[in-house]
Amino acid sequence: MKKTIKDYELKNKKVIIRVDFNVPIKNQQISDDTRIKEALKTINYAINKKAKVILMSHLGRIKDTSDRQKASLRVVAKRLEELLNKKVIFVDETRGEQLEKAIASLKGGQVLLMENTRFEDLNDKSESQNNEELGAYWASLGELFINDAFGTSHRAHASNVGIASHLPSGLGFLVEKELEVLTKNIKTPKRPFCVILGGAKVSDKIGVIKSLVEKADYILIGGAMANTFLLASNISVGSSLVENDFVSFCKEILDNNEEKIILPIDVSVASNINAQVAQNVFVNEVNDEEQILDIGPRTVELFKKYLEKSQTIIWNGPVGAFEYEPFKVGTNALCEVLKNIDAIKIVGGGDSASAVKNFGYDSFFTHISTGGGASLELLEGKILPGVDIIDEK
């Protein structure tokens, strides 16, 4: 069992907390501050214990210097101040004298947020490649490391694995909760256990599919990845997105799990994703010029039959191109179905979590993960490096 923040004396200690403030920002406005709010429990605990709190987070992907301005955490610091009702010291550096002096002058109960850790990727991808020197430097700024960023725990970066390699370490409340809920319901689910898999690519979820066919009672497949499965069933999918290299894989999965894999029976089609109007057709009625962009109402009813008899439901990936008005119907309808089902209902982060929140159904789910990639790797049965490195009790 891993140590947590509660296993350490925090008073007047310089505590580095890796949080996940990778929030959507447009025109310097945060459109969804869920990830900031999810980190508050750990941050407030450290503040109340009079720790000198040093927060680190990434924001987006940094490819060149032009990304620096739009990916600054300054706007996040302002929002965090509002949520904490407390001054947050923001340092617009990831290393150097200014940062070191600001940390050295911290008093117990104060909070400092340093600049986007991914800015260090401009230096030969030092952050995302877990540069040893960078991890050691960041560790030198603190006395204790707490990982509370579940969304990056499936990656070995300098700001998690790198720092934890040099300091006593523990998990924050958010990561602790994510691991408890997801691990329990994957390893020992209440049955029947049903998984909804959506999203665009089979290739992204090969390991998950292989793992889940051994564990789940039913796997309901939607999104663009269903197109490849339909093609493997000798059903024409027109000009839809497919992965031809994975048709044989899908065929093998279908042949060996005929009763377990449930595919769409009708779909929403259009000439392209920017179309203003969609048409519902049976899967064997898609013509050569049409793209499948959502599941249809008969498929929703089919999925409903399996969902209603399930005791544990995990959903990873939207079942249609929900960002576009005509193709949000299937994902929205699935939310409405799940709303009324009495079961353990978990959304595995990423786009499916965004959809559930955008449609206003988040309060009807048992748990909505903050990490799409991390939750996928747990579903696959993989070890998360950002968790594995943490000290054992």
Protein backbone atom coordinates (compact mmCIF):
# COMPACT_ATOMS: atom_id res chain seq x y z
CA MET A 1 0.00 0.00 0.00
CA LYS A 2 1.32 3.42 -0.95
CA LYS A 3 1.95 6.22 1.51
CA THR A 4 -0.34 9.24 1.34
CA ILE A 5 -0.08 12.85 2.40
CA LYS A 6 -1.60 11.84 5.75
CA ASP A 7 1.44 9.70 6.57
CA TYR A 8 3.75 12.71 6.86
CA GLU A 9 4.32 15.60 9.25
CA LEU A 10 3.83 18.69 7.10
CA LYS A 11 4.32 21.63 9.42
CA ASN A 12 6.85 24.09 7.96
CA LYS A 13 7.95 21.47 5.41
CA LYS A 14 8.42 22.45 1.76
CA VAL A 15 5.87 20.15 0.15
CA ILE A 16 5.89 19.80 -3.64
CA ILE A 17 2.44 18.77 -4.85
CA ARG A 18 2.15 17.68 -8.49
CA VAL A 19 -1.38 18.68 -9.47
CA ASP A 20 -3.23 18.46 -12.77
CA PHE A 21 -4.24 21.98 -13.78
CA ASN A 22 -4.35 21.07 -17.49
CA VAL A 23 -7.63 22.92 -17.98
CA PRO A 24 -9.18 24.27 -21.20
CA ILE A 25 -8.39 27.97 -21.70
CA LYS A 26 -9.68 30.20 -24.47
CA ASN A 27 -9.02 33.94 -24.66
CA GLN A 28 -7.47 33.78 -21.20
CA GLN A 29 -10.69 32.34 -19.74
CA ILE A 30 -10.94 28.90 -18.14
CA SER A 31 -13.97 27.12 -19.59
CA ASP A 32 -13.91 24.16 -17.18
CA ASP A 33 -12.19 24.41 -13.78
CA THR A 34 -13.10 20.88 -12.61
CA ARG A 35 -9.49 19.75 -12.36
CA ILE A 36 -8.58 22.74 -10.18
CA LYS A 37 -11.52 22.04 -7.87
CA GLU A 38 -10.59 18.35 -7.63
CA ALA A 39 -7.15 19.32 -6.28
CA LEU A 40 -8.50 21.57 -3.51
CA LYS A 41 -8.88 18.84 -0.88
CA THR A 42 -5.18 17.99 -0.95
CA ILE A 43 -4.05 21.62 -1.18
CA ASN A 44 -6.28 22.73 1.70
CA TYR A 45 -5.10 19.81 3.84
CA ALA A 46 -1.48 20.89 3.32
CA ILE A 47 -2.35 24.53 4.04
CA ASN A 48 -4.17 23.61 7.26
CA LYS A 49 -1.16 21.55 8.36
CA LYS A 50 1.00 24.66 7.83
CA ALA A 51 3.02 23.21 4.98
CA LYS A 52 4.94 25.45 2.59
CA VAL A 53 2.99 24.42 -0.49
CA ILE A 54 4.76 24.31 -3.87
CA LEU A 55 2.39 23.44 -6.72
CA MET A 56 3.55 22.09 -10.08
CA SER A 57 1.44 21.37 -13.17
CA HIS A 58 1.66 21.15 -16.93
CA LEU A 59 -0.74 22.87 -19.31
CA GLY A 60 -1.10 21.60 -22.88
CA ARG A 61 1.74 20.53 -25.13
CA ILE A 62 4.65 22.87 -25.78
CA LYS A 63 6.25 22.54 -29.22
CA ASP A 64 8.00 25.88 -29.67
CA THR A 65 8.48 29.23 -27.92
CA SER A 66 5.30 30.62 -29.49
CA ASP A 67 3.31 28.31 -27.19
CA ARG A 68 4.62 29.95 -24.04
CA GLN A 69 2.21 32.86 -23.90
CA LYS A 70 -1.00 30.90 -24.44
CA ALA A 71 0.07 28.10 -22.09
CA SER A 72 1.02 30.11 -19.03
CA LEU A 73 -0.46 29.02 -15.69
CA ARG A 74 -0.93 32.65 -14.59
CA VAL A 75 -4.68 32.55 -15.31
CA VAL A 76 -4.90 29.29 -13.33
CA ALA A 77 -3.19 30.95 -10.36
CA LYS A 78 -5.88 33.65 -10.35
CA ARG A 79 -8.68 31.08 -10.40
CA LEU A 80 -6.99 29.05 -7.67
CA GLU A 81 -6.80 32.18 -5.51
CA GLU A 82 -10.56 32.60 -5.86
CA LEU A 83 -11.30 28.98 -5.00
CA LEU A 84 -8.93 28.91 -2.01
CA ASN A 85 -9.87 32.44 -0.94
CA LYS A 86 -6.18 32.83 -0.31
CA LYS A 87 -3.17 34.49 -1.96
CA VAL A 88 -1.34 32.27 -4.45
CA ILE A 89 2.22 33.31 -5.24
CA PHE A 90 2.81 32.78 -8.95
CA VAL A 91 6.37 32.46 -10.28
CA ASP A 92 6.66 32.61 -14.05
CA GLU A 93 9.75 30.40 -14.11
CA THR A 94 10.36 26.66 -14.00
CA ARG A 95 13.85 27.05 -12.60
CA GLY A 96 16.27 29.75 -11.53
CA GLU A 97 17.03 32.33 -8.86
CA GLN A 98 13.59 33.97 -8.82
CA LEU A 99 11.88 30.62 -8.16
CA GLU A 100 14.45 29.56 -5.56
CA LYS A 101 14.15 32.84 -3.63
CA ALA A 102 10.35 32.71 -3.67
CA ILE A 103 10.36 29.17 -2.28
CA ALA A 104 12.99 30.02 0.33
CA SER A 105 10.82 32.86 1.64
CA LEU A 106 7.63 30.76 1.94
CA LYS A 107 6.01 30.54 5.37
CA GLY A 108 3.90 27.68 6.69
CA GLY A 109 0.41 27.77 5.15
CA GLN A 110 1.45 29.77 2.08
CA VAL A 111 0.94 28.54 -1.50
CA LEU A 112 3.19 28.98 -4.53
CA LEU A 113 2.43 27.90 -8.10
CA MET A 114 5.35 27.73 -10.50
CA GLU A 115 5.08 28.08 -14.28
CA ASN A 116 4.02 25.30 -16.66
CA THR A 117 6.37 22.33 -16.25
CA ARG A 118 6.09 21.59 -19.98
CA PHE A 119 8.03 24.78 -20.73
CA GLU A 120 11.02 22.57 -19.92
CA ASP A 121 10.16 20.53 -23.02
CA LEU A 122 11.70 23.39 -25.01
CA ASN A 123 14.95 22.07 -23.56
CA ASP A 124 15.18 18.71 -25.38
CA LYS A 125 11.83 17.57 -23.92
CA SER A 126 13.40 17.49 -20.45
CA GLU A 127 10.04 17.28 -18.66
CA SER A 128 8.27 14.63 -20.74
CA GLN A 129 11.44 12.58 -21.21
CA ASN A 130 12.09 12.57 -17.44
CA ASN A 131 15.47 14.24 -17.66
CA GLU A 132 17.47 13.14 -14.62
CA GLU A 133 19.07 16.51 -13.97
CA LEU A 134 15.72 18.32 -14.12
CA GLY A 135 14.03 15.87 -11.76
CA ALA A 136 16.89 16.22 -9.28
CA TYR A 137 16.77 20.03 -9.52
CA TRP A 138 13.05 20.20 -8.90
CA ALA A 139 13.41 17.76 -5.99
CA SER A 140 16.04 20.09 -4.46
CA LEU A 141 13.33 22.75 -4.10
CA GLY A 142 11.32 20.70 -1.60
CA GLU A 143 11.44 18.22 1.24
CA LEU A 144 8.45 16.02 0.39
CA PHE A 145 6.70 15.07 -2.85
CA ILE A 146 2.96 14.40 -3.20
CA ASN A 147 1.48 13.12 -6.46
CA ASP A 148 -2.08 14.35 -6.86
CA ALA A 149 -2.12 14.43 -10.68
CA PHE A 150 -3.90 11.25 -11.75
CA GLY A 151 -4.12 12.50 -15.34
CA THR A 152 -0.32 12.23 -15.79
CA SER A 153 0.33 9.22 -13.56
CA HIS A 154 0.56 6.91 -16.59
CA ARG A 155 3.60 8.88 -17.77
CA ALA A 156 7.13 8.92 -16.32
CA HIS A 157 7.90 12.64 -16.34
CA ALA A 158 10.48 14.70 -14.49
CA SER A 159 7.68 16.35 -12.47
CA ASN A 160 6.42 13.07 -11.03
CA VAL A 161 8.79 10.09 -11.33
CA GLY A 162 11.84 12.36 -11.53
CA ILE A 163 11.10 14.22 -8.30
CA ALA A 164 9.81 11.16 -6.42
CA SER A 165 13.11 9.39 -7.16
CA HIS A 166 14.86 11.89 -4.85
CA LEU A 167 12.34 12.71 -2.10
CA PRO A 168 10.07 10.97 0.42
CA SER A 169 6.75 10.67 -1.38
CA GLY A 170 3.03 10.00 -1.03
CA LEU A 171 -0.27 10.22 -2.86
CA GLY A 172 -2.75 13.06 -2.62
CA PHE A 173 -6.45 12.53 -1.93
CA LEU A 174 -7.47 12.75 -5.60
CA VAL A 175 -5.09 10.04 -6.82
CA GLU A 176 -5.90 7.90 -3.79
CA LYS A 177 -9.62 8.10 -4.63
CA GLU A 178 -9.11 7.43 -8.34
CA LEU A 179 -7.06 4.30 -7.63
CA GLU A 180 -9.49 3.03 -5.00
CA VAL A 181 -12.60 3.42 -7.18
CA LEU A 182 -11.13 2.27 -10.49
CA THR A 183 -9.00 -0.61 -9.21
CA LYS A 184 -11.79 -2.07 -7.08
CA ASN A 185 -14.39 -1.94 -9.83
CA ILE A 186 -12.06 -3.35 -12.47
CA LYS A 187 -10.61 -6.19 -10.40
CA THR A 188 -13.73 -7.21 -8.46
CA PRO A 189 -16.75 -5.66 -10.19
CA LYS A 190 -20.32 -6.33 -9.19
CA ARG A 191 -21.81 -8.38 -12.01
CA PRO A 192 -23.01 -8.21 -14.66
CA PHE A 193 -20.07 -5.98 -15.59
CA CYS A 194 -20.64 -3.88 -18.73
CA VAL A 195 -18.14 -1.67 -20.54
CA ILE A 196 -18.99 1.00 -23.12
CA LEU A 197 -16.07 1.65 -25.46
CA GLY A 198 -16.14 4.58 -27.86
CA GLY A 199 -13.74 7.04 -29.38
CA ALA A 200 -12.04 7.04 -32.75
CA LYS A 201 -9.39 4.34 -32.87
CA VAL A 202 -9.23 0.61 -32.21
CA SER A 203 -5.43 0.96 -32.23
CA ASP A 204 -5.57 3.16 -29.12
CA LYS A 205 -7.46 0.49 -27.20
CA ILE A 206 -6.10 -2.88 -28.35
CA GLY A 207 -4.68 -3.68 -24.91
CA VAL A 208 -7.89 -2.56 -23.22
CA ILE A 209 -10.06 -4.68 -25.52
CA LYS A 210 -7.87 -7.76 -24.98
CA SER A 211 -8.01 -7.26 -21.23
CA LEU A 212 -11.72 -6.51 -21.01
CA VAL A 213 -12.93 -9.46 -23.06
CA GLU A 214 -11.52 -11.57 -20.23
CA LYS A 215 -13.19 -9.53 -17.48
CA ALA A 216 -16.41 -7.94 -18.75
CA ASP A 217 -19.75 -9.62 -19.33
CA TYR A 218 -20.67 -7.23 -22.15
CA ILE A 219 -18.73 -4.73 -24.24
CA LEU A 220 -20.83 -2.17 -26.10
CA ILE A 221 -18.88 -0.56 -28.93
CA GLY A 222 -19.66 2.83 -30.47
CA GLY A 223 -17.81 5.80 -31.90
CA ALA A 224 -15.61 5.59 -34.97
CA MET A 225 -13.90 2.49 -33.58
CA ALA A 226 -17.18 0.62 -34.18
CA ASN A 227 -16.69 1.20 -37.92
CA THR A 228 -13.66 -1.09 -37.98
CA PHE A 229 -15.61 -3.77 -36.10
CA LEU A 230 -18.53 -3.42 -38.53
CA LEU A 231 -16.15 -3.78 -41.47
CA ALA A 232 -14.74 -6.90 -39.82
CA SER A 233 -18.34 -8.21 -39.82
CA ASN A 234 -18.51 -7.73 -43.61
CA ILE A 235 -20.71 -4.64 -43.30
CA SER A 236 -19.93 -1.76 -45.65
CA VAL A 237 -19.25 1.51 -43.79
CA GLY A 238 -19.07 3.84 -46.81
CA SER A 239 -16.46 6.59 -46.48
CA SER A 240 -16.34 6.33 -42.68
CA LEU A 241 -13.13 6.47 -40.70
CA VAL A 242 -11.72 2.94 -40.39
CA GLU A 243 -8.39 1.35 -39.51
CA ASN A 244 -7.82 -1.25 -42.19
CA ASP A 245 -4.73 -2.60 -40.44
CA PHE A 246 -6.89 -3.67 -37.50
CA VAL A 247 -9.80 -5.34 -39.28
CA SER A 248 -8.31 -8.80 -38.74
CA PHE A 249 -7.85 -8.06 -35.03
CA CYS A 250 -11.49 -7.00 -34.74
CA LYS A 251 -12.62 -10.11 -36.61
CA GLU A 252 -10.70 -12.35 -34.23
CA ILE A 253 -12.21 -10.58 -31.20
CA LEU A 254 -15.71 -10.91 -32.66
CA ASP A 255 -15.28 -14.58 -33.61
CA ASN A 256 -14.10 -15.51 -30.11
CA ASN A 257 -16.58 -13.33 -28.18
CA GLU A 258 -19.75 -13.43 -30.24
CA GLU A 259 -22.13 -13.09 -27.26
CA LYS A 260 -20.08 -10.48 -25.47
CA ILE A 261 -19.33 -7.82 -28.12
CA ILE A 262 -22.38 -5.69 -28.97
CA LEU A 263 -22.14 -3.53 -32.11
CA PRO A 264 -24.47 -0.79 -33.44
CA ILE A 265 -27.47 -1.93 -35.47
CA ASP A 266 -28.31 1.55 -36.77
CA VAL A 267 -26.23 4.67 -37.21
CA SER A 268 -26.39 8.38 -37.95
CA VAL A 269 -24.76 9.28 -41.27
CA ALA A 270 -23.89 12.35 -43.32
CA SER A 271 -21.67 13.27 -46.23
CA ASN A 272 -19.09 14.76 -43.85
CA ILE A 273 -18.62 15.84 -40.25
CA ASN A 274 -19.54 19.47 -41.00
CA ALA A 275 -22.99 18.53 -42.33
CA GLN A 276 -25.92 20.33 -40.71
CA VAL A 277 -28.33 17.41 -41.02
CA ALA A 278 -27.89 13.71 -40.21
CA GLN A 279 -29.88 10.69 -41.33
CA ASN A 280 -30.52 7.50 -39.37
CA VAL A 281 -30.08 4.24 -41.27
CA PHE A 282 -29.53 0.58 -40.48
CA VAL A 283 -25.86 -0.41 -40.57
CA ASN A 284 -26.34 -2.37 -43.80
CA GLU A 285 -27.81 0.70 -45.55
CA VAL A 286 -24.78 3.01 -45.49
CA ASN A 287 -23.90 4.09 -49.02
CA ASP A 288 -20.42 4.67 -50.39
CA GLU A 289 -20.52 8.48 -50.01
CA GLU A 290 -21.73 8.49 -46.39
CA GLN A 291 -19.82 8.61 -43.11
CA ILE A 292 -21.00 7.01 -39.88
CA LEU A 293 -20.77 9.73 -37.22
CA ASP A 294 -23.03 8.55 -34.38
CA ILE A 295 -25.05 5.59 -33.15
CA GLY A 296 -28.77 5.55 -33.94
CA PRO A 297 -31.85 5.33 -31.67
CA ARG A 298 -32.30 1.56 -32.16
CA THR A 299 -28.72 1.03 -31.02
CA VAL A 300 -29.38 3.15 -27.94
CA GLU A 301 -32.33 0.85 -27.14
CA LEU A 302 -30.19 -2.23 -27.77
CA PHE A 303 -27.43 -0.92 -25.47
CA LYS A 304 -30.09 -0.05 -22.89
CA LYS A 305 -31.11 -3.72 -22.58
CA TYR A 306 -27.59 -4.68 -21.54
CA LEU A 307 -27.04 -1.63 -19.34
CA GLU A 308 -30.27 -2.12 -17.38
CA LYS A 309 -29.22 -5.56 -16.20
CA SER A 310 -25.67 -4.49 -15.29
CA GLN A 311 -24.39 -3.79 -11.78
CA THR A 312 -21.09 -2.17 -12.80
CA ILE A 313 -20.75 0.06 -15.87
CA ILE A 314 -17.54 1.69 -17.08
CA TRP A 315 -17.70 4.11 -20.00
CA ASN A 316 -14.62 5.18 -21.94
CA GLY A 317 -15.02 7.19 -25.12
CA PRO A 318 -18.05 8.96 -26.65
CA VAL A 319 -20.21 6.96 -29.09
CA GLY A 320 -20.39 9.72 -31.69
CA ALA A 321 -18.79 12.99 -32.80
CA PHE A 322 -20.59 14.79 -29.95
CA GLU A 323 -18.74 18.08 -30.51
CA TYR A 324 -20.89 18.56 -33.64
CA GLU A 325 -24.56 19.31 -33.10
CA PRO A 326 -26.12 16.65 -35.38
CA PHE A 327 -23.93 13.89 -33.93
CA LYS A 328 -24.29 14.45 -30.19
CA VAL A 329 -27.65 12.64 -30.06
CA GLY A 330 -26.33 9.14 -29.34
CA THR A 331 -23.95 10.14 -26.54
CA ASN A 332 -26.62 12.39 -25.01
CA ALA A 333 -29.23 9.61 -25.21
CA LEU A 334 -26.82 7.18 -23.56
CA CYS A 335 -26.36 9.67 -20.70
CA GLU A 336 -30.14 9.78 -20.27
CA VAL A 337 -30.32 5.97 -20.18
CA LEU A 338 -27.54 5.74 -17.59
CA LYS A 339 -29.09 8.48 -15.48
CA ASN A 340 -31.97 6.15 -14.57
CA ILE A 341 -29.96 2.97 -13.94
CA ASP A 342 -29.16 1.94 -10.37
CA ALA A 343 -25.60 0.64 -10.69
CA ILE A 344 -21.98 1.61 -10.14
CA LYS A 345 -21.39 3.96 -13.07
CA ILE A 346 -17.87 5.16 -13.84
CA VAL A 347 -16.76 7.47 -16.65
CA GLY A 348 -13.13 6.96 -17.61
CA GLY A 349 -12.06 10.55 -18.15
CA GLY A 350 -11.14 12.16 -21.47
CA ASP A 351 -13.80 13.03 -24.04
CA SER A 352 -16.47 10.87 -22.43
CA ALA A 353 -16.07 12.82 -19.17
CA SER A 354 -16.30 16.09 -21.11
CA ALA A 355 -19.48 14.92 -22.81
CA VAL A 356 -21.14 13.84 -19.57
CA LYS A 357 -20.33 17.19 -17.95
CA ASN A 358 -21.29 19.26 -20.99
CA PHE A 359 -24.67 17.54 -21.18
CA GLY A 360 -25.24 18.08 -17.44
CA TYR A 361 -25.32 14.44 -16.33
CA ASP A 362 -22.24 14.36 -14.09
CA SER A 363 -24.25 14.20 -10.84
CA PHE A 364 -25.80 10.88 -11.91
CA PHE A 365 -22.50 9.00 -12.04
CA THR A 366 -20.68 7.25 -9.23
CA HIS A 367 -17.30 8.53 -10.37
CA ILE A 368 -15.93 10.62 -13.22
CA SER A 369 -12.20 10.12 -13.63
CA THR A 370 -9.86 13.06 -14.15
CA GLY A 371 -7.52 10.99 -16.30
CA GLY A 372 -8.51 9.47 -19.63
CA GLY A 373 -5.15 7.90 -20.47
CA ALA A 374 -4.45 6.82 -16.91
CA SER A 375 -7.87 5.21 -16.50
CA LEU A 376 -7.41 3.40 -19.83
CA GLU A 377 -4.11 1.94 -18.66
CA LEU A 378 -5.71 0.78 -15.42
CA LEU A 379 -8.46 -0.87 -17.49
CA GLU A 380 -5.71 -2.59 -19.42
CA GLY A 381 -4.12 -3.80 -16.19
CA LYS A 382 -0.95 -1.74 -16.54
CA ILE A 383 1.11 -0.25 -13.71
CA LEU A 384 1.13 3.56 -13.58
CA PRO A 385 4.74 4.81 -13.22
CA GLY A 386 3.66 7.97 -11.36
CA VAL A 387 2.05 5.76 -8.71
CA ASP A 388 4.56 2.90 -8.74
CA ILE A 389 7.42 5.25 -7.75
CA ILE A 390 5.62 6.41 -4.57
CA ASP A 391 6.95 5.11 -1.24
CA GLU A 392 5.30 2.07 0.30
CA LYS A 393 3.85 2.22 3.82
